[in-house]
C-alpha atoms as a PDB file:
ATOM      1  CA  MET A   1       0.000   0.000   0.000  1.00  0.00           C
ATOM      2  CA  ARG A   2       1.407   3.348  -1.074  1.00  0.00           C
ATOM      3  CA  VAL A   3      -0.365   6.654  -0.561  1.00  0.00           C
ATOM      4  CA  PRO A   4       0.840   9.829  -2.298  1.00  0.00           C
ATOM      5  CA  LEU A   5       0.995  13.032  -0.218  1.00  0.00           C
ATOM      6  CA  LYS A   6      -1.547  14.654  -2.536  1.00  0.00           C
ATOM      7  CA  GLU A   7      -4.125  12.068  -1.410  1.00  0.00           C
ATOM      8  CA  ILE A   8      -3.120  12.474   2.233  1.00  0.00           C
ATOM      9  CA  ASP A   9      -3.500  16.259   2.011  1.00  0.00           C
ATOM     10  CA  ALA A  10      -7.077  15.826   0.718  1.00  0.00           C
ATOM     11  CA  LEU A  11      -8.143  13.711   3.733  1.00  0.00           C
ATOM     12  CA  HIS A  12     -10.262  14.879   6.656  1.00  0.00           C
ATOM     13  CA  HIS A  13      -8.325  14.730   9.947  1.00  0.00           C
ATOM     14  CA  SER A  14     -10.184  11.609  11.101  1.00  0.00           C
ATOM     15  CA  GLU A  15      -9.502   9.909   7.749  1.00  0.00           C
ATOM     16  CA  PHE A  16      -5.825  10.774   8.240  1.00  0.00           C
ATOM     17  CA  GLU A  17      -5.896   8.807  11.512  1.00  0.00           C
ATOM     18  CA  PHE A  18      -7.305   5.775   9.701  1.00  0.00           C
ATOM     19  CA  ALA A  19      -4.649   6.160   6.975  1.00  0.00           C
ATOM     20  CA  VAL A  20      -1.897   6.138   9.630  1.00  0.00           C
ATOM     21  CA  ARG A  21      -3.494   3.056  11.200  1.00  0.00           C
ATOM     22  CA  ASP A  22      -3.527   1.329   7.816  1.00  0.00           C
ATOM     23  CA  LEU A  23       0.129   2.215   7.162  1.00  0.00           C
ATOM     24  CA  MET A  24       1.057   0.689  10.511  1.00  0.00           C
ATOM     25  CA  ARG A  25      -0.894  -2.449   9.663  1.00  0.00           C
ATOM     26  CA  ARG A  26       0.932  -2.604   6.324  1.00  0.00           C
ATOM     27  CA  ASP A  27       4.185  -2.615   8.319  1.00  0.00           C
ATOM     28  CA  GLY A  28       3.051  -5.587  10.441  1.00  0.00           C
ATOM     29  CA  PHE A  29       1.630  -3.774  13.476  1.00  0.00           C
ATOM     30  CA  GLU A  30      -1.565  -4.728  15.251  1.00  0.00           C
ATOM     31  CA  ALA A  31      -3.021  -1.208  15.113  1.00  0.00           C
ATOM     32  CA  GLU A  32      -6.279   0.456  16.142  1.00  0.00           C
ATOM     33  CA  ARG A  33      -7.555   3.992  15.825  1.00  0.00           C
ATOM     34  CA  PHE A  34      -8.607   5.560  19.137  1.00  0.00           C
ATOM     35  CA  GLY A  35      -8.805   9.227  18.111  1.00  0.00           C
ATOM     36  CA  GLY A  36     -11.540  11.382  19.543  1.00  0.00           C
ATOM     37  CA  ALA A  37     -12.300  13.815  22.336  1.00  0.00           C
ATOM     38  CA  HIS A  38     -11.157  11.516  25.159  1.00  0.00           C
ATOM     39  CA  ASP A  39      -8.250   9.665  23.530  1.00  0.00           C
ATOM     40  CA  ASP A  40      -5.568  10.733  26.055  1.00  0.00           C
ATOM     41  CA  VAL A  41      -3.427  12.084  23.186  1.00  0.00           C
ATOM     42  CA  CYS A  42      -3.502   8.772  21.314  1.00  0.00           C
ATOM     43  CA  ASP A  43      -5.050   8.722  17.852  1.00  0.00           C
ATOM     44  CA  VAL A  44      -3.550   5.390  16.797  1.00  0.00           C
ATOM     45  CA  ARG A  45      -2.131   2.685  19.030  1.00  0.00           C
ATOM     46  CA  GLY A  46      -0.063  -0.124  17.595  1.00  0.00           C
ATOM     47  CA  VAL A  47       1.874  -3.129  18.791  1.00  0.00           C
ATOM     48  CA  ASP A  48       4.811  -4.433  16.767  1.00  0.00           C
ATOM     49  CA  ALA A  49       5.793  -8.089  16.470  1.00  0.00           C
ATOM     50  CA  ASP A  50       7.993  -7.818  19.602  1.00  0.00           C
ATOM     51  CA  GLY A  51       5.061  -6.559  21.669  1.00  0.00           C
ATOM     52  CA  ARG A  52       6.337  -2.957  21.843  1.00  0.00           C
ATOM     53  CA  ILE A  53       3.502  -0.440  22.092  1.00  0.00           C
ATOM     54  CA  TRP A  54       3.564   2.596  19.799  1.00  0.00           C
ATOM     55  CA  VAL A  55       1.301   5.565  20.569  1.00  0.00           C
ATOM     56  CA  VAL A  56       0.732   7.927  17.657  1.00  0.00           C
ATOM     57  CA  GLN A  57      -0.684  11.438  17.725  1.00  0.00           C
ATOM     58  CA  CYS A  58      -1.831  12.517  14.249  1.00  0.00           C
ATOM     59  CA  LYS A  59      -1.796  16.153  13.155  1.00  0.00           C
ATOM     60  CA  HIS A  60      -3.345  16.676   9.734  1.00  0.00           C
ATOM     61  CA  LYS A  61      -2.780  20.098   8.185  1.00  0.00           C
ATOM     62  CA  GLN A  62      -5.033  21.389   5.398  1.00  0.00           C
ATOM     63  CA  ASP A  63      -2.181  23.600   4.185  1.00  0.00           C
ATOM     64  CA  GLY A  64       0.485  20.874   4.434  1.00  0.00           C
ATOM     65  CA  TRP A  65       3.993  22.306   4.627  1.00  0.00           C
ATOM     66  CA  GLU A  66       2.682  25.888   4.340  1.00  0.00           C
ATOM     67  CA  GLY A  67       0.414  25.634   7.385  1.00  0.00           C
ATOM     68  CA  LYS A  68       1.196  26.486  10.980  1.00  0.00           C
ATOM     69  CA  ALA A  69       4.032  24.380  12.386  1.00  0.00           C
ATOM     70  CA  ILE A  70       3.423  21.992  15.281  1.00  0.00           C
ATOM     71  CA  GLY A  71       4.979  23.265  18.492  1.00  0.00           C
ATOM     72  CA  VAL A  72       6.583  21.753  21.554  1.00  0.00           C
ATOM     73  CA  GLU A  73       3.307  21.757  23.540  1.00  0.00           C
ATOM     74  CA  VAL A  74       2.050  18.780  21.493  1.00  0.00           C
ATOM     75  CA  LEU A  75       5.225  16.866  22.410  1.00  0.00           C
ATOM     76  CA  GLN A  76       4.716  17.718  26.072  1.00  0.00           C
ATOM     77  CA  ARG A  77       1.125  16.420  26.065  1.00  0.00           C
ATOM     78  CA  LEU A  78       2.084  13.183  24.303  1.00  0.00           C
ATOM     79  CA  ASN A  79       5.083  12.668  26.576  1.00  0.00           C
ATOM     80  CA  GLY A  80       2.772  13.025  29.582  1.00  0.00           C
ATOM     81  CA  THR A  81       0.453  10.185  28.541  1.00  0.00           C
ATOM     82  CA  ALA A  82       2.350   7.826  26.239  1.00  0.00           C
ATOM     83  CA  GLU A  83       4.009   5.673  28.881  1.00  0.00           C
ATOM     84  CA  THR A  84       1.905   6.366  31.965  1.00  0.00           C
ATOM     85  CA  VAL A  85      -1.547   6.004  30.381  1.00  0.00           C
ATOM     86  CA  HIS A  86      -0.862   3.794  27.354  1.00  0.00           C
ATOM     87  CA  GLY A  87       2.229   1.832  28.428  1.00  0.00           C
ATOM     88  CA  ALA A  88       3.999   2.905  25.238  1.00  0.00           C
ATOM     89  CA  ARG A  89       7.601   2.165  24.371  1.00  0.00           C
ATOM     90  CA  PHE A  90       7.447   4.662  21.494  1.00  0.00           C
ATOM     91  CA  ALA A  91       5.602   7.977  21.235  1.00  0.00           C
ATOM     92  CA  VAL A  92       5.222   9.336  17.707  1.00  0.00           C
ATOM     93  CA  ILE A  93       3.687  12.444  16.163  1.00  0.00           C
ATOM     94  CA  VAL A  94       2.799  12.139  12.477  1.00  0.00           C
ATOM     95  CA  THR A  95       1.906  15.160  10.371  1.00  0.00           C
ATOM     96  CA  ASN A  96       1.585  16.077   6.729  1.00  0.00           C
ATOM     97  CA  GLY A  97       2.970  19.445   7.794  1.00  0.00           C
ATOM     98  CA  ARG A  98       6.029  20.496   9.756  1.00  0.00           C
ATOM     99  CA  PHE A  99       7.359  21.047  13.277  1.00  0.00           C
ATOM    100  CA  THR A 100       8.813  24.165  14.866  1.00  0.00           C
ATOM    101  CA  LEU A 101      12.561  24.244  15.368  1.00  0.00           C
ATOM    102  CA  SER A 102      11.931  24.168  19.117  1.00  0.00           C
ATOM    103  CA  ALA A 103       9.848  20.981  18.780  1.00  0.00           C
ATOM    104  CA  VAL A 104      12.552  19.296  16.704  1.00  0.00           C
ATOM    105  CA  GLU A 105      15.251  20.288  19.187  1.00  0.00           C
ATOM    106  CA  ARG A 106      13.237  19.063  22.198  1.00  0.00           C
ATOM    107  CA  SER A 107      11.929  15.839  20.648  1.00  0.00           C
ATOM    108  CA  GLU A 108      14.861  13.775  21.913  1.00  0.00           C
ATOM    109  CA  THR A 109      14.535  15.245  25.406  1.00  0.00           C
ATOM    110  CA  TYR A 110      10.872  14.222  25.504  1.00  0.00           C
ATOM    111  CA  GLY A 111      11.504  10.897  23.790  1.00  0.00           C
ATOM    112  CA  VAL A 112       8.979  11.671  21.058  1.00  0.00           C
ATOM    113  CA  HIS A 113       9.638  10.625  17.462  1.00  0.00           C
ATOM    114  CA  LEU A 114       8.604  13.167  14.825  1.00  0.00           C
ATOM    115  CA  ILE A 115       7.344  12.209  11.377  1.00  0.00           C
ATOM    116  CA  ASP A 116       7.035  15.402   9.327  1.00  0.00           C
ATOM    117  CA  ARG A 117       5.888  15.779   5.735  1.00  0.00           C
ATOM    118  CA  GLY A 118       9.213  14.583   4.310  1.00  0.00           C
ATOM    119  CA  ARG A 119       9.338  11.461   6.474  1.00  0.00           C
ATOM    120  CA  LEU A 120       5.629  10.832   5.855  1.00  0.00           C
ATOM    121  CA  ASP A 121       6.374  10.836   2.132  1.00  0.00           C
ATOM    122  CA  LEU A 122       9.052   8.155   2.667  1.00  0.00           C
ATOM    123  CA  TRP A 123       6.648   6.108   4.797  1.00  0.00           C
ATOM    124  CA  ALA A 124       3.392   6.508   2.885  1.00  0.00           C
ATOM    125  CA  ALA A 125       4.294   7.206  -0.745  1.00  0.00           C
ATOM    126  CA  GLU A 126       7.558   5.271  -1.023  1.00  0.00           C
ATOM    127  CA  GLY A 127       6.393   2.381   1.149  1.00  0.00           C
ATOM    128  CA  ARG A 128       9.276   2.300   3.637  1.00  0.00           C
ATOM    129  CA  PRO A 129       8.472   0.764   7.059  1.00  0.00           C
ATOM    130  CA  LEU A 130       7.851   3.191   9.930  1.00  0.00           C
ATOM    131  CA  TRP A 131      11.006   2.244  11.841  1.00  0.00           C
ATOM    132  CA  THR A 132      13.216   3.051   8.821  1.00  0.00           C
ATOM    133  CA  VAL A 133      11.975   6.634   8.507  1.00  0.00           C
ATOM    134  CA  ARG A 134      12.734   7.391  12.147  1.00  0.00           C
ATOM    135  CA  GLU A 135      16.388   7.059  13.110  1.00  0.00           C
ATOM    136  CA  GLY A 136      17.272   5.288  16.327  1.00  0.00           C
ATOM    137  CA  VAL A 137      14.402   2.801  16.243  1.00  0.00           C
ATOM    138  CA  LYS A 138      15.329  -0.827  15.716  1.00  0.00           C
ATOM    139  CA  PRO A 139      12.871  -2.999  13.812  1.00  0.00           C
ATOM    140  CA  ALA A 140      11.049  -5.760  15.620  1.00  0.00           C
ATOM    141  CA  ARG A 141      13.170  -8.888  15.990  1.00  0.00           C
ATOM    142  CA  ARG A 142      10.272 -11.038  14.900  1.00  0.00           C
ATOM    143  CA  LEU A 143       8.547 -10.926  11.551  1.00  0.00           C
ATOM    144  CA  PRO A 144       4.879  -9.924  11.423  1.00  0.00           C
ATOM    145  CA  GLY A 145       2.830 -12.935  12.478  1.00  0.00           C
ATOM    146  CA  GLN A 146       5.543 -14.240  14.813  1.00  0.00           C
ATOM    147  CA  ARG A 147       4.191 -12.522  17.911  1.00  0.00           C
ATOM    148  CA  ARG A 148       5.278 -13.733  21.298  1.00  0.00           C
ATOM    149  CA  ARG A 149       2.495 -15.736  22.955  1.00  0.00           C
ATOM    150  CA  ARG A 150       2.174 -17.388  26.312  1.00  0.00           C
ATOM    151  CA  PRO A 151       1.698 -21.173  26.228  1.00  0.00           C
ATOM    152  CA  GLY A 152      -1.935 -22.009  25.480  1.00  0.00           C
ATOM    153  CA  GLN A 153      -2.832 -18.439  24.473  1.00  0.00           C
ATOM    154  CA  THR A 154      -4.659 -17.983  21.164  1.00  0.00           C
ATOM    155  CA  ARG A 155      -3.412 -15.513  18.555  1.00  0.00           C
ATOM    156  CA  ALA A 156      -6.483 -13.282  19.072  1.00  0.00           C
ATOM    157  CA  ALA A 157      -6.012 -13.272  22.851  1.00  0.00           C
ATOM    158  CA  ALA A 158      -2.325 -12.373  22.433  1.00  0.00           C
ATOM    159  CA  ALA A 159      -3.195  -9.422  20.184  1.00  0.00           C
ATOM    160  CA  MET A 160      -5.875  -8.154  22.572  1.00  0.00           C
ATOM    161  CA  SER A 161      -3.521  -8.511  25.525  1.00  0.00           C
ATOM    162  CA  ALA A 162      -0.709  -6.705  23.714  1.00  0.00           C
ATOM    163  CA  LEU A 163      -2.987  -3.818  22.809  1.00  0.00           C
ATOM    164  CA  GLY A 164      -4.083  -3.476  26.431  1.00  0.00           C
ATOM    165  CA  ARG A 165      -7.489  -2.431  25.197  1.00  0.00           C
ATOM    166  CA  GLN A 166      -8.912  -1.714  28.685  1.00  0.00           C
ATOM    167  CA  GLY A 167     -12.444  -1.734  27.346  1.00  0.00           C
ATOM    168  CA  ARG A 168     -11.799   0.792  24.567  1.00  0.00           C
ATOM    169  CA  PRO A 169     -14.136   0.528  21.583  1.00  0.00           C
ATOM    170  CA  ARG A 170     -12.868  -0.617  18.193  1.00  0.00           C
ATOM    171  CA  ASP A 171     -12.277   1.876  15.383  1.00  0.00           C
ATOM    172  CA  ARG A 172     -14.938   4.511  15.321  1.00  0.00           C
END
């Protein structure tokens, strides 16, 4: 699945969240969209083949690169919930726009991975896996479908357990 930026730019913000979910699934993640008013700064939550949880905040910009840049306050909010609320190993912000210089400089301090328009193009349009467009992230050691399961646990139960759904509804 490859999605050109022109198509991404034309999406509604909620459709952008589903597109990010689908890109994660393409890369072998078990991924669900949670976006909405009470999502605790998590629009998409995914689990890779090693059971690592990825929390993604999506920021769709109608003006793409020309629109207002995403500032450090978004990083601060995601940093505050990613691990404590969602149990995430990785916190990611994906946008079809850009980030302020301050946000880029502070991203490492907050432990938040930034996927701007250029990296989104590599991920969505060129088809590269998510972990290759963000430096410093090692790919899962297992291939998709080789998830770690406890003895006697079904594949569906393992996926539900890994997502830590806590009663959250499926994609809205």
